[in-house]
Protein backbone atom coordinates (compact mmCIF):
# COMPACT_ATOMS: atom_id res chain seq x y z
CA UNK A 1 97.68 136.99 89.30
CA UNK A 2 99.77 139.62 91.23
CA UNK A 3 102.76 137.13 91.25
CA UNK A 4 102.52 136.68 87.38
CA UNK A 5 102.28 140.39 86.89
CA UNK A 6 105.34 140.83 89.20
CA UNK A 7 107.34 138.23 87.32
CA UNK A 8 106.38 139.91 83.95
CA UNK A 9 107.48 143.20 85.40
CA UNK A 10 110.80 141.87 86.45
CA UNK A 11 111.31 140.04 83.25
CA UNK A 12 110.68 143.35 81.39
CA UNK A 13 113.02 145.07 83.46
CA UNK A 14 115.76 142.65 82.85
CA UNK A 15 115.12 142.64 79.17
CA UNK A 16 115.40 146.49 79.13
CA UNK A 17 118.62 146.35 81.17
CA UNK A 18 120.29 143.97 78.85
CA UNK A 19 119.35 145.93 75.79
CA UNK A 20 120.56 149.21 77.54
CA UNK A 21 123.88 147.62 78.58
CA UNK A 22 124.65 145.77 75.39
CA UNK A 23 127.59 147.00 73.66
CA UNK A 24 126.98 148.93 70.48
CA UNK A 25 128.48 147.52 67.30
CA UNK A 26 131.49 149.06 65.66
CA UNK A 27 130.86 149.07 62.04
CA UNK A 28 132.73 150.68 58.99
CA UNK A 29 131.33 151.26 55.42
CA UNK A 30 133.54 149.93 52.91
CA UNK A 31 131.80 150.78 49.56
CA UNK A 32 128.49 151.49 47.87
CA UNK A 33 128.52 150.20 44.39
CA UNK A 34 126.15 150.55 41.28
CA UNK A 35 124.80 147.26 40.05
CA UNK A 36 121.91 148.63 38.01
CA UNK A 37 120.94 147.57 34.65
CA UNK A 38 117.97 149.54 33.08
CA UNK A 39 118.42 153.29 32.54
CA UNK A 40 115.52 155.45 33.81
CA UNK A 41 113.54 157.68 31.64
CA UNK A 42 115.13 161.15 31.16
CA UNK A 43 112.38 162.81 33.12
CA UNK A 44 112.85 160.34 35.99
CA UNK A 45 116.35 160.83 36.98
CA UNK A 46 117.99 159.33 33.78
CA UNK A 47 120.25 162.36 33.51
CA UNK A 48 121.97 161.58 36.85
CA UNK A 49 124.92 159.13 36.52
CA UNK A 50 124.03 156.12 38.39
CA UNK A 51 127.65 155.65 39.69
CA UNK A 52 127.37 159.02 41.08
CA UNK A 53 124.00 158.15 42.86
CA UNK A 54 125.66 155.03 44.34
CA UNK A 55 128.50 157.17 45.77
CA UNK A 56 125.78 159.09 47.71
CA UNK A 57 124.65 155.78 49.26
CA UNK A 58 127.80 155.91 51.51
CA UNK A 59 126.54 159.03 53.22
CA UNK A 60 122.88 157.97 53.38
CA UNK A 61 124.00 154.71 55.12
CA UNK A 62 126.27 156.51 57.39
CA UNK A 63 123.68 159.00 58.24
CA UNK A 64 121.16 156.38 59.35
CA UNK A 65 123.77 154.22 61.30
CA UNK A 66 125.07 157.19 63.05
CA UNK A 67 121.55 157.88 64.41
CA UNK A 68 121.14 154.53 65.89
CA UNK A 69 122.15 153.60 69.39
CA UNK A 70 123.00 150.12 68.46
CA UNK A 71 125.97 151.35 66.16
CA UNK A 72 129.19 153.12 66.48
CA UNK A 73 130.27 154.31 63.10
CA UNK A 74 133.94 154.21 62.23
CA UNK A 75 135.15 157.22 60.18
CA UNK A 76 135.27 155.91 56.75
CA UNK A 77 138.29 158.12 55.95
CA UNK A 78 140.24 156.35 58.67
CA UNK A 79 139.32 153.24 57.21
CA UNK A 80 140.32 154.08 53.73
CA UNK A 81 143.71 155.69 54.85
CA UNK A 82 144.48 152.39 56.77
CA UNK A 83 143.79 150.46 53.44
CA UNK A 84 146.07 152.66 51.55
CA UNK A 85 148.91 152.18 54.09
CA UNK A 86 148.48 148.39 53.71
CA UNK A 87 149.25 148.47 49.99
CA UNK A 88 151.44 145.60 49.24
CA UNK A 89 154.98 146.12 48.18
CA UNK A 90 157.47 143.63 46.67
CA UNK A 91 161.22 144.91 46.52
CA UNK A 92 159.86 148.31 47.43
CA UNK A 93 157.51 148.26 44.40
CA UNK A 94 153.70 148.33 44.89
CA UNK A 95 151.89 145.16 43.78
CA UNK A 96 148.36 145.20 41.91
CA UNK A 97 146.93 143.06 44.70
CA UNK A 98 144.29 144.87 46.68
CA UNK A 99 144.68 144.97 50.48
CA UNK A 100 142.02 143.07 52.46
CA UNK A 101 139.65 144.95 54.60
CA UNK A 102 139.85 142.40 57.35
CA UNK A 103 143.19 143.44 58.81
CA UNK A 104 142.12 147.10 58.73
CA UNK A 105 138.84 146.08 60.35
CA UNK A 106 140.64 144.29 63.02
CA UNK A 107 143.06 147.17 63.66
CA UNK A 108 140.15 149.63 64.07
CA UNK A 109 138.20 147.01 66.43
CA UNK A 110 135.28 146.91 64.02
CA UNK A 111 132.74 144.06 64.60
CA UNK A 112 131.48 144.26 61.06
CA UNK A 113 132.13 145.82 57.72
CA UNK A 114 129.32 147.03 55.62
CA UNK A 115 128.98 147.02 51.88
CA UNK A 116 126.01 148.68 50.04
CA UNK A 117 124.71 148.03 46.39
CA UNK A 118 122.31 150.21 44.34
CA UNK A 119 120.39 147.13 42.80
CA UNK A 120 117.73 148.80 40.89
CA UNK A 121 117.13 152.31 39.58
CA UNK A 122 114.29 151.58 37.08
CA UNK A 123 111.24 153.21 35.57
CA UNK A 124 107.77 151.67 35.14
CA UNK A 125 104.68 153.02 33.31
CA UNK A 126 100.98 152.53 33.97
CA UNK A 127 98.23 153.87 31.51
CA UNK A 128 94.63 154.39 32.66
CA UNK A 129 91.77 155.23 30.35
CA UNK A 130 88.73 156.86 32.15
CA UNK A 131 85.76 157.99 30.17
CA UNK A 132 87.82 158.63 26.95
CA UNK A 133 90.64 160.41 28.94
CA UNK A 134 93.99 158.85 28.87
CA UNK A 135 96.30 159.14 31.84
CA UNK A 136 99.83 157.93 32.15
CA UNK A 137 101.45 157.29 35.41
CA UNK A 138 105.31 156.89 35.46
CA UNK A 139 106.94 155.26 38.57
CA UNK A 140 110.66 155.35 39.40
CA UNK A 141 111.78 152.65 41.82
CA UNK A 142 115.07 152.69 43.84
CA UNK A 143 116.15 149.36 45.52
CA UNK A 144 119.37 148.96 47.61
CA UNK A 145 120.90 145.92 49.18
CA UNK A 146 123.21 145.98 52.24
CA UNK A 147 125.58 143.40 53.33
CA UNK A 148 127.38 143.04 56.66
CA UNK A 149 130.77 141.21 56.59
CA UNK A 150 132.31 139.41 59.69
CA UNK A 151 135.56 141.39 60.70
CA UNK A 152 137.09 138.02 61.74
CA UNK A 153 136.67 135.84 58.62
CA UNK A 154 135.08 137.97 56.11
CA UNK A 155 131.88 135.86 55.90
CA UNK A 156 128.46 137.50 54.97
CA UNK A 157 126.63 137.66 58.37
CA UNK A 158 123.64 139.82 57.40
CA UNK A 159 121.90 140.96 54.27
CA UNK A 160 119.03 143.16 54.03
CA UNK A 161 117.21 145.05 51.26
CA UNK A 162 115.13 148.20 50.98
CA UNK A 163 113.04 150.04 48.27
CA UNK A 164 111.23 153.37 47.64
CA UNK A 165 109.29 154.51 44.65
CA UNK A 166 107.81 157.60 43.33
CA UNK A 167 104.68 157.79 40.95
CA UNK A 168 104.26 160.76 38.76
CA UNK A 169 101.16 161.51 36.54
CA UNK A 170 102.07 162.44 32.96
CA UNK A 171 99.43 164.11 30.72
CA UNK A 172 99.69 166.02 27.51
CA UNK A 173 99.06 169.05 29.58
CA UNK A 174 101.25 168.14 32.59
CA UNK A 175 104.84 166.83 32.38
CA UNK A 176 106.83 166.38 35.51
CA UNK A 177 110.40 165.89 35.72
CA UNK A 178 112.20 164.69 38.96
CA UNK A 179 115.37 166.62 39.93
CA UNK A 180 118.41 165.34 41.63
CA UNK A 181 117.16 166.21 45.24
CA UNK A 182 114.12 164.19 44.69
CA UNK A 183 116.15 161.15 43.47
CA UNK A 184 118.30 161.42 46.59
CA UNK A 185 115.26 161.38 48.59
CA UNK A 186 114.13 158.13 47.12
CA UNK A 187 117.68 156.76 47.75
CA UNK A 188 117.49 157.87 51.39
CA UNK A 189 114.14 156.16 51.77
CA UNK A 190 115.33 152.94 50.41
CA UNK A 191 118.30 152.84 52.60
CA UNK A 192 116.22 153.87 55.58
CA UNK A 193 113.92 150.88 54.71
CA UNK A 194 116.82 148.36 54.79
CA UNK A 195 118.49 149.41 57.90
CA UNK A 196 116.23 147.99 60.55
CA UNK A 197 116.38 144.51 59.26
CA UNK A 198 120.20 144.84 58.94
CA UNK A 199 120.35 146.03 62.60
CA UNK A 200 118.09 143.19 63.90
CA UNK A 201 120.24 140.45 62.09
CA UNK A 202 123.48 141.95 63.23
CA UNK A 203 122.63 142.34 66.85
CA UNK A 204 121.49 138.62 66.96
CA UNK A 205 124.70 137.41 65.18
CA UNK A 206 126.71 139.66 67.52
CA UNK A 207 125.36 137.88 70.60
CA UNK A 208 126.16 134.49 69.09
CA UNK A 209 129.68 135.77 67.97
CA UNK A 210 130.66 136.81 71.57
CA UNK A 211 130.40 133.14 72.60
CA UNK A 212 132.67 131.92 69.76
CA UNK A 213 136.25 131.88 70.92
CA UNK A 214 139.15 133.44 68.94
CA UNK A 215 142.99 133.14 68.77
CA UNK A 216 145.54 135.49 67.34
CA UNK A 217 148.22 134.46 64.95
CA UNK A 218 151.32 136.12 63.48
CA UNK A 219 153.02 134.82 60.33
CA UNK A 220 156.51 135.31 58.95
CA UNK A 221 158.43 133.78 56.00
CA UNK A 222 161.90 133.60 54.76
CA UNK A 223 161.06 135.82 51.90
CA UNK A 224 158.72 138.69 53.24
CA UNK A 225 156.65 140.16 51.93
CA UNK A 226 154.23 137.42 51.11
CA UNK A 227 150.40 137.10 50.77
CA UNK A 228 148.51 135.41 53.48
CA UNK A 229 145.00 133.76 52.91
CA UNK A 230 142.73 132.07 55.51
CA UNK A 231 140.12 129.69 54.19
CA UNK A 232 140.79 131.24 50.57
CA UNK A 233 140.31 134.84 51.82
CA UNK A 234 143.17 137.28 51.65
CA UNK A 235 143.90 138.83 55.11
CA UNK A 236 147.18 140.47 54.69
CA UNK A 237 150.78 140.18 54.02
CA UNK A 238 153.82 139.02 56.01
CA UNK A 239 154.97 139.93 58.39
CA UNK A 240 151.44 139.57 59.51
CA UNK A 241 151.16 140.39 63.30
CA UNK A 242 148.27 139.36 65.85
CA UNK A 243 145.63 138.55 63.27
CA UNK A 244 142.41 137.43 64.82
CA UNK A 245 140.84 134.09 63.68
CA UNK A 246 138.25 131.79 65.11
CA UNK A 247 139.36 128.84 67.04
CA UNK A 248 139.40 125.43 65.05
CA UNK A 249 140.32 124.10 61.78
CA UNK A 250 141.56 126.69 59.43
CA UNK A 251 143.25 126.52 55.96
CA UNK A 252 146.26 128.77 55.86
CA UNK A 253 147.90 129.63 52.39
CA UNK A 254 151.04 131.77 51.92
CA UNK A 255 152.00 132.70 48.40
CA UNK A 256 154.29 135.07 46.33
CA UNK A 257 154.85 135.27 42.69
CA UNK A 258 157.84 133.17 41.68
CA UNK A 259 157.59 130.89 44.81
CA UNK A 260 155.51 127.77 45.59
CA UNK A 261 152.27 128.33 47.34
CA UNK A 262 152.33 126.86 50.99
CA UNK A 263 148.82 125.55 51.98
CA UNK A 264 148.25 123.64 55.21
CA UNK A 265 145.09 122.90 57.24
CA UNK A 266 145.94 123.68 60.98
CA UNK A 267 143.77 123.09 64.14
CA UNK A 268 144.27 126.37 65.92
CA UNK A 269 143.54 126.18 69.64
CA UNK A 270 146.03 128.76 70.96
CA UNK A 271 147.78 131.98 69.79
CA UNK A 272 150.56 131.12 67.46
CA UNK A 273 153.68 132.50 65.66
CA UNK A 274 153.90 130.76 62.26
CA UNK A 275 157.22 130.67 60.22
CA UNK A 276 156.79 129.47 56.68
CA UNK A 277 159.93 128.47 54.51
CA UNK A 278 159.41 130.04 50.97
CA UNK A 279 160.70 128.07 47.92
CA UNK A 280 161.19 129.42 44.67
CA UNK A 281 159.91 127.62 41.69
CA UNK A 282 163.28 127.08 40.32
CA UNK A 283 165.15 126.18 43.67
CA UNK A 284 168.21 124.07 43.44
CA UNK A 285 168.80 121.22 45.93
CA UNK A 286 171.45 123.26 47.82
CA UNK A 287 169.30 126.39 47.89
CA UNK A 288 166.43 124.27 49.45
CA UNK A 289 168.81 122.83 52.01
CA UNK A 290 169.93 126.38 52.96
CA UNK A 291 166.42 127.56 53.35
CA UNK A 292 165.50 124.63 55.66
CA UNK A 293 168.72 125.05 57.60
CA UNK A 294 167.86 128.79 58.34
CA UNK A 295 164.53 127.75 60.02
CA UNK A 296 164.51 127.37 63.80
CA UNK A 297 162.51 124.17 63.57
CA UNK A 298 160.34 123.31 66.73
CA UNK A 299 157.49 121.57 65.06
CA UNK A 300 156.99 120.24 61.45
CA UNK A 301 153.48 119.86 60.05
CA UNK A 302 154.20 117.85 56.72
CA UNK A 303 156.51 118.61 54.07
CA UNK A 304 157.84 121.20 53.56
CA UNK A 305 157.77 122.36 57.21
CA UNK A 306 155.69 125.07 58.55
CA UNK A 307 157.04 126.02 61.99
CA UNK A 308 154.41 126.86 64.72
CA UNK A 309 155.37 128.39 67.93
CA UNK A 310 152.57 128.15 70.53
CA UNK A 311 152.16 131.46 72.36
CA UNK A 312 150.52 131.17 75.90
């Protein structure tokens, strides 16, 4: 029995040590959107714009994450400023294409990017008749959903939801109206309800992710800037430098208005520099030859040639 107790004690000490020394997750909050449908009763927060309420969700989520030892919260202002700097330009003119959060997340060494949604902000009514007396109970429910996106490939790696409600008795002699501060308390409670599940899933995924090898790629073209997608997800524009992806089979797509999209499936096992020849839709035979001759061709993968330089 003493031996068993000793083993259990040692196991507990090792477990606590592992938790204590685990690296906290670096996370950034991208946005908090309003996805509600039903409009609440005027007395139950109906006068508060739901878009405005969703915007407060960014603060609520940040507050709860900042108070958790498992997280390091990246300043959202830095994140958004980096996004603005990555605005895509073509011939010095901004394009309507929105920059991807992935490149920004990697530049800030984020492990995950969080996205919040105000899913429900809805009223309910319950009427009770007791001994000839009629009482009405109004309920306001706030529900939020939180998503965590992988900073390497943009995949959803964790989802959690939380809810909070407030019941108010309304009678002919007593009418209660919920103010903005009380509505914000409900939002705060809903976010607090969702964060523990999100944290648990993220920590589990982070442990698995540490064992998944990555490589870094850089992409240039003969007509920079061009948009770069990995497995259908926009990751940035050329020249793209040191972008982290998982090892293995990946589909690389490089495109630009007025040019043919270049799509190749490539097995990435090492860091690589990729050179992509860009061909206009109306390219003549002589112009096509000129583009190919301008490329320093070391390795072709199909036609037209994407040049891959292995970086050791």
